[in-house]
Amino acid sequence: MHPEIILPLFNLPAHTAIMLYIILCLGLFSYFVSRRLQLVPNGVVQSIAELFVEGIKNLVEETMGHHGKKYFPFIATFGIYILISNILGLIPGLLPPTANLNTTAGLAVIVFIATHVIGIKEHGFKYLKHFIGPIGGLPFILMIVMTPLMIFVETISHLVRPVSLSLRLFGNIMGHELIVGVLLLLMHLAYPLLALSTALGVLVAFIQAFIFSLLSMMYIGSALEEAH
């Protein structure tokens, strides 16, 4: 139980309940904004939303190439969700779902599965050539010797990806939560430090959302490339 949480939890774990609140709010926000879209935006909300979305779209195209454009909604949804989740930790009475390893591990596993599903979808089973590494130019005998080793190394490197993704995001957000908790215990002595920690928390929220999204784009982008 988390008595400090200001929202009803409906007997759900706090991180799960807040995650569902975020999904609901994002869905409602998208619905109402999409109903009022105009060719030439004259409202602040649409202008900011378009600027933000355009920035993510450009980043997706630069990182993943032209073929990655169709995966822009997937990446944008992840980035926006993670950013909002991170920022919620700065609001009293709420906590960031990304400070829970179950949340970050779930996000990382989705990226891991999506990467290989997209790779097989784009290249068929030729995608599996990614797991033998760049040994195509080696002599035939050496290729036979190196192939099992390269398959093992590449498999381990792919399995490590969701682990590093989840632990990096979880560690940074949880670390900030612990720092804020310690400073709150020293409230009378730590007002300046708490203000600094809040400012750093905003920066960390943006950076970690960016890093998770960027690594996801790089992983999916590598799956879109032809294996050599």
Protein backbone atom coordinates (compact mmCIF):
# COMPACT_ATOMS: atom_id res chain seq x y z
CA MET A 1 0.00 0.00 0.00
CA HIS A 2 1.06 3.58 -0.69
CA PRO A 3 -0.96 5.89 1.57
CA GLU A 4 0.92 8.90 0.16
CA ILE A 5 -0.57 8.38 -3.32
CA ILE A 6 -3.39 10.87 -3.92
CA LEU A 7 -5.19 8.80 -6.56
CA PRO A 8 -7.40 5.75 -5.90
CA LEU A 9 -5.48 2.54 -6.61
CA PHE A 10 -8.45 0.12 -6.84
CA ASN A 11 -6.43 -2.56 -4.99
CA LEU A 12 -3.81 -2.51 -7.74
CA PRO A 13 -0.07 -2.03 -7.17
CA ALA A 14 0.67 1.70 -7.16
CA HIS A 15 2.88 1.59 -10.25
CA THR A 16 0.30 -0.40 -12.19
CA ALA A 17 -2.56 1.93 -11.24
CA ILE A 18 -0.61 5.06 -12.20
CA MET A 19 0.47 3.41 -15.45
CA LEU A 20 -3.20 2.85 -16.30
CA TYR A 21 -4.00 6.48 -15.41
CA ILE A 22 -1.27 7.63 -17.80
CA ILE A 23 -2.58 5.42 -20.61
CA LEU A 24 -6.13 6.66 -20.04
CA CYS A 25 -5.07 10.33 -19.99
CA LEU A 26 -2.93 9.96 -23.11
CA GLY A 27 -5.79 8.24 -24.91
CA LEU A 28 -8.29 10.95 -23.97
CA PHE A 29 -5.82 13.73 -24.80
CA SER A 30 -5.11 12.21 -28.24
CA TYR A 31 -8.82 11.77 -28.92
CA PHE A 32 -9.80 15.35 -28.10
CA VAL A 33 -6.79 16.90 -29.85
CA SER A 34 -7.38 14.83 -33.00
CA ARG A 35 -11.01 15.98 -33.15
CA ARG A 36 -9.93 19.63 -33.28
CA LEU A 37 -7.03 19.38 -35.70
CA GLN A 38 -6.80 22.19 -38.24
CA LEU A 39 -4.70 22.48 -41.39
CA VAL A 40 -3.18 25.70 -40.06
CA PRO A 41 -3.02 25.43 -36.25
CA ASN A 42 -4.29 28.47 -34.39
CA GLY A 43 -4.19 26.99 -30.90
CA VAL A 44 -1.27 26.58 -28.55
CA VAL A 45 -2.00 22.89 -27.82
CA GLN A 46 -1.95 21.81 -31.47
CA SER A 47 1.12 23.93 -32.22
CA ILE A 48 3.10 22.43 -29.32
CA ALA A 49 1.89 18.91 -30.12
CA GLU A 50 2.87 19.26 -33.79
CA LEU A 51 6.29 20.65 -32.88
CA PHE A 52 6.92 17.80 -30.47
CA VAL A 53 5.71 15.11 -32.87
CA GLU A 54 7.67 16.58 -35.77
CA GLY A 55 10.84 16.52 -33.68
CA ILE A 56 10.35 12.82 -32.86
CA LYS A 57 9.54 12.06 -36.51
CA ASN A 58 12.74 13.71 -37.73
CA LEU A 59 14.77 11.82 -35.14
CA VAL A 60 13.19 8.52 -36.20
CA GLU A 61 14.02 9.14 -39.88
CA GLU A 62 17.58 10.19 -39.10
CA THR A 63 18.22 7.18 -36.86
CA MET A 64 16.28 4.43 -38.63
CA GLY A 65 16.31 5.67 -42.22
CA HIS A 66 13.45 6.02 -44.67
CA HIS A 67 12.07 2.55 -43.95
CA GLY A 68 11.76 3.36 -40.28
CA LYS A 69 9.13 6.03 -40.88
CA LYS A 70 6.27 3.55 -40.52
CA TYR A 71 7.46 2.65 -37.02
CA PHE A 72 7.29 6.26 -35.88
CA PRO A 73 3.97 5.77 -33.93
CA PHE A 74 5.52 2.89 -31.97
CA ILE A 75 8.62 4.89 -30.99
CA ALA A 76 6.68 8.09 -30.28
CA THR A 77 4.23 6.28 -28.00
CA PHE A 78 7.10 4.78 -26.02
CA GLY A 79 8.95 8.08 -25.74
CA ILE A 80 5.92 10.09 -24.62
CA TYR A 81 4.78 7.45 -22.15
CA ILE A 82 8.24 7.16 -20.56
CA LEU A 83 8.65 10.94 -20.38
CA ILE A 84 5.32 11.42 -18.61
CA SER A 85 6.01 8.48 -16.28
CA ASN A 86 9.38 9.96 -15.33
CA ILE A 87 8.00 13.45 -14.71
CA LEU A 88 5.24 12.16 -12.43
CA GLY A 89 7.91 11.42 -9.86
CA LEU A 90 8.37 15.18 -9.41
CA ILE A 91 4.73 15.69 -8.38
CA PRO A 92 3.94 15.17 -4.66
CA GLY A 93 1.37 12.43 -4.15
CA LEU A 94 2.40 10.53 -7.27
CA LEU A 95 5.22 8.18 -8.21
CA PRO A 96 6.82 7.29 -11.55
CA PRO A 97 5.91 3.83 -12.89
CA THR A 98 9.41 3.72 -14.40
CA ALA A 99 10.85 3.55 -10.86
CA ASN A 100 9.56 -0.03 -10.78
CA LEU A 101 11.66 -2.70 -12.48
CA ASN A 102 8.55 -4.57 -13.63
CA THR A 103 7.53 -1.56 -15.72
CA THR A 104 10.91 -0.95 -17.32
CA ALA A 105 11.45 -4.67 -17.92
CA GLY A 106 8.05 -4.87 -19.62
CA LEU A 107 8.91 -1.96 -21.91
CA ALA A 108 12.30 -3.46 -22.73
CA VAL A 109 10.82 -6.89 -23.53
CA ILE A 110 8.31 -5.26 -25.90
CA VAL A 111 11.17 -3.53 -27.74
CA PHE A 112 13.14 -6.80 -27.83
CA ILE A 113 10.24 -8.78 -29.31
CA ALA A 114 9.27 -5.98 -31.72
CA THR A 115 12.86 -5.76 -33.01
CA HIS A 116 12.97 -9.39 -34.10
CA VAL A 117 9.37 -9.50 -35.33
CA ILE A 118 10.09 -6.45 -37.51
CA GLY A 119 13.35 -8.00 -38.73
CA ILE A 120 11.61 -11.22 -39.81
CA LYS A 121 8.73 -9.24 -41.29
CA GLU A 122 11.06 -7.10 -43.41
CA HIS A 123 13.59 -9.75 -44.50
CA GLY A 124 11.95 -13.09 -43.89
CA PHE A 125 14.13 -15.78 -42.35
CA LYS A 126 17.17 -14.20 -44.03
CA TYR A 127 17.07 -11.94 -40.97
CA LEU A 128 18.65 -14.79 -39.00
CA LYS A 129 21.89 -14.04 -40.87
CA HIS A 130 22.26 -11.17 -38.37
CA PHE A 131 23.16 -13.81 -35.78
CA ILE A 132 26.24 -15.09 -37.61
CA GLY A 133 27.93 -11.71 -37.75
CA PRO A 134 30.05 -10.25 -40.59
CA ILE A 135 31.92 -13.41 -41.57
CA GLY A 136 30.75 -13.65 -45.18
CA GLY A 137 34.17 -12.72 -46.60
CA LEU A 138 36.11 -15.35 -44.65
CA PRO A 139 37.45 -18.60 -46.17
CA PHE A 140 34.93 -21.45 -46.08
CA ILE A 141 36.77 -23.51 -43.43
CA LEU A 142 37.14 -20.48 -41.18
CA MET A 143 33.45 -19.66 -41.64
CA ILE A 144 32.51 -23.16 -40.42
CA VAL A 145 34.70 -22.73 -37.36
CA MET A 146 33.55 -19.18 -36.57
CA THR A 147 29.81 -19.59 -37.17
CA PRO A 148 28.93 -21.36 -33.84
CA LEU A 149 31.03 -18.85 -31.89
CA MET A 150 29.46 -15.86 -33.65
CA ILE A 151 25.95 -17.25 -33.14
CA PHE A 152 26.67 -17.58 -29.41
CA VAL A 153 28.17 -14.07 -29.15
CA GLU A 154 25.38 -12.41 -31.18
CA THR A 155 22.66 -14.22 -29.22
CA ILE A 156 24.14 -13.06 -25.91
CA SER A 157 24.46 -9.48 -27.22
CA HIS A 158 20.80 -9.46 -28.24
CA LEU A 159 19.64 -10.94 -24.92
CA VAL A 160 21.61 -8.31 -23.02
CA ARG A 161 19.72 -5.49 -24.76
CA PRO A 162 16.45 -5.71 -22.77
CA VAL A 163 18.42 -6.15 -19.56
CA SER A 164 20.47 -2.99 -20.14
CA LEU A 165 17.42 -1.03 -21.33
CA SER A 166 15.34 -1.90 -18.29
CA LEU A 167 18.09 -1.51 -15.68
CA ARG A 168 19.32 1.82 -17.07
CA LEU A 169 15.89 3.45 -16.97
CA PHE A 170 14.93 1.87 -13.63
CA GLY A 171 18.24 2.73 -11.96
CA ASN A 172 18.21 6.39 -12.93
CA ILE A 173 14.59 7.05 -11.98
CA MET A 174 14.73 5.02 -8.77
CA GLY A 175 18.01 6.71 -7.85
CA HIS A 176 16.40 10.13 -8.13
CA GLU A 177 13.44 8.96 -6.04
CA LEU A 178 15.78 7.80 -3.28
CA ILE A 179 17.69 11.09 -3.31
CA VAL A 180 14.45 13.07 -2.98
CA GLY A 181 13.34 10.79 -0.14
CA VAL A 182 16.56 11.42 1.77
CA LEU A 183 16.33 15.17 1.21
CA LEU A 184 12.74 15.21 2.48
CA LEU A 185 13.96 13.69 5.73
CA LEU A 186 16.36 16.62 6.02
CA MET A 187 13.81 19.17 4.83
CA HIS A 188 14.84 22.03 7.10
CA LEU A 189 18.46 21.69 6.04
CA ALA A 190 17.97 20.75 2.43
CA TYR A 191 15.65 23.25 0.72
CA PRO A 192 18.35 24.40 -1.75
CA LEU A 193 19.39 20.80 -2.44
CA LEU A 194 15.78 19.75 -2.94
CA ALA A 195 15.29 22.51 -5.50
CA LEU A 196 18.47 21.42 -7.28
CA SER A 197 17.36 17.80 -7.17
CA THR A 198 14.01 18.75 -8.72
CA ALA A 199 15.73 20.62 -11.54
CA LEU A 200 18.03 17.66 -12.14
CA GLY A 201 14.99 15.37 -11.99
CA VAL A 202 13.38 17.20 -14.92
CA LEU A 203 16.61 16.87 -16.87
CA VAL A 204 16.92 13.17 -16.03
CA ALA A 205 13.28 12.58 -17.04
CA PHE A 206 13.90 13.97 -20.53
CA ILE A 207 17.33 12.37 -20.96
CA GLN A 208 16.20 8.89 -19.94
CA ALA A 209 13.12 9.03 -22.19
CA PHE A 210 15.38 10.16 -25.04
CA ILE A 211 17.99 7.44 -24.40
CA PHE A 212 15.41 4.64 -24.18
CA SER A 213 13.74 5.83 -27.40
CA LEU A 214 17.07 6.31 -29.19
CA LEU A 215 18.33 2.83 -28.27
CA SER A 216 15.00 1.34 -29.33
CA MET A 217 15.32 3.10 -32.69
CA MET A 218 18.89 1.84 -33.09
CA TYR A 219 17.88 -1.75 -32.33
CA ILE A 220 14.92 -1.68 -34.71
CA GLY A 221 17.00 0.18 -37.30
CA SER A 222 19.64 -2.56 -37.20
CA ALA A 223 16.88 -5.14 -37.78
CA LEU A 224 15.74 -3.17 -40.83
CA GLU A 225 19.21 -3.32 -42.37
CA GLU A 226 20.18 -6.14 -44.70
CA ALA A 227 22.42 -8.72 -43.09
CA HIS A 228 25.86 -9.08 -44.66
